[in-house]
Amino acid sequence: MPEKQKFYGWKLVAVLFILDFINMGFPYYGGSIINGYMMHELTMSRSTLGLGFTILNLFVGFAAIVVAMSIVKYGIRTTFIIGSVLIGLNALFLGFYASKPWHYLVAFGVVNGTGMSFGTLVPTATGVTRWFRRYRGRMMGLALSASGISGFALSPLLDKMLRSGGGNWHVGWRIVACAMVVSGLIAFFFVKESPESMGQAVDGLPAEQQAQPSRTDALATKHPWTAGEAYRTSAYWLIAIAGIVATFPYFLFIAHWVENLRGIGITPARASWGLSLLTIGTLVGRWLGGVLMDYLNARLAFVLGVSIYFVSSYLAVVSRADTLVLAYIASVLQGVAYGWTYSCANTMTAHYYGPQAFPKLNGTYILLTSCCASPAGYVGGRIFDLYGSYAKSFELNALLAAIGILAVIFAAMPSPREKVPVGVTQPEVA
């Protein structure tokens, strides 16, 4: 008798982790360091620097619907490869040709944002949703936590390399291009579409165990929702609102946190560690949020995470050059809050509506959160230009966290009967 094939889902999570590490870490977190050097050479204002991140986040969202269509039609593997190609071509352009601010806005914002949409969030979350149910929260948090590690590892490394090379940011983008070759090859050889495609079952459990009641039954639906049915439930849109207001603060921090730390007198080397701690906090938050989603009510888990924004925003306001520890704590907690809520929102959508509807629902979610939260980079820069400080930006972040709590409180898990359109009457039972 041939040996039973081991469940590939565990290996796939490792593959998705590596792809998220490369495709998010190099062009986004690494890009935030590279762009700091680019800003001075291309004579860009901080508003223009922030606008690049705003455009990037917009195009991550704009492309998300196309990414969902690509997953449905061509599969997860092909979608990842498309992302690697787009990011790689963008990095080559920036590394060898870019010399004007509009080059930065188009390449980093439009092309890079589109490539990241294809190569990170939606295909990664879809892969986890297809392969897992009972362990979905933990695996979602683990797979999506890779970008936190990459930001922690890459930000100081790239900063050190660029400083030692005289601030030659072109070299930084050439490194990003090489990384995209690696990610494309990994996706081609190791990404598998679904457990059914390999003759396996969700969670690696046999059919008889799949049918047995479990704790997850109270947390995750077994109903085969369609995207159209899900769109007609209030819960989906409340999750989206909560996701938007939990994403805006992080987008603002990524675009301006290093410049804020430098502006209050912290040295560039120590300021780059602020970004590293921000991303490592994201790692911790995504893992913690994912774990809790396998045990707690989804709304409670989300509220616990978004509440951390209150503390991080306060510490960001009071941080000074002589209180470096407070600035670093603010960095970590800001990342924890975002990572925690991101894992919760993605897993909540998967739990509420299941794997069949998830690609389109997640694509729409990414579109809404990216588009509505994308002005954060520009808003932060504009606030600084007006007031000479980022303090009011951090106060805005705390207000948005409160709105997120209110939205998610009412986002109860829908029941299948909610898919019946308003106005359709049911026959009376005699």
Foldseek 3Di string as FASTA:
>chain_A
DDDDDDQCLVVQLVLLLVLQLQLCLQLQLVVLLLVVLVCVQQVHALLLLLLLLLLLLLQLQVLLLVLLVCCVPPNLLVLQLQLLVLLLVLLLCLLPPDRHSVNSSCSSRNSSSNSSSSNHDLSSLLSLQQQAQLLSLQSLLSSNLSSLQSSLPNLLVSNVVCVVVVNNSSVSSNVSSVSSVVSSVSSVPRNDGHQVVVPADHVRDDPVVVPDDDPSCVQAPPDQFAQLLVVLDLLLVLLLLLLQLLVLLVSLCSSPQLVQQVLLPADNSLSSNLSSLLSNLLSVQSNVLSVVSSPDHLLVQLLVLLQLLVQLLVLSLPDHNVPSVSSSVSSNSSSNSSNNNVSSSSVSVCRQNNSNRNSNSVSNSSNSNSNSSSCSSSVQSVVCVVPVHSSVVSVSSNVSSVVSSVSSVPSHRDDSVSSDDPPDDDDDDD
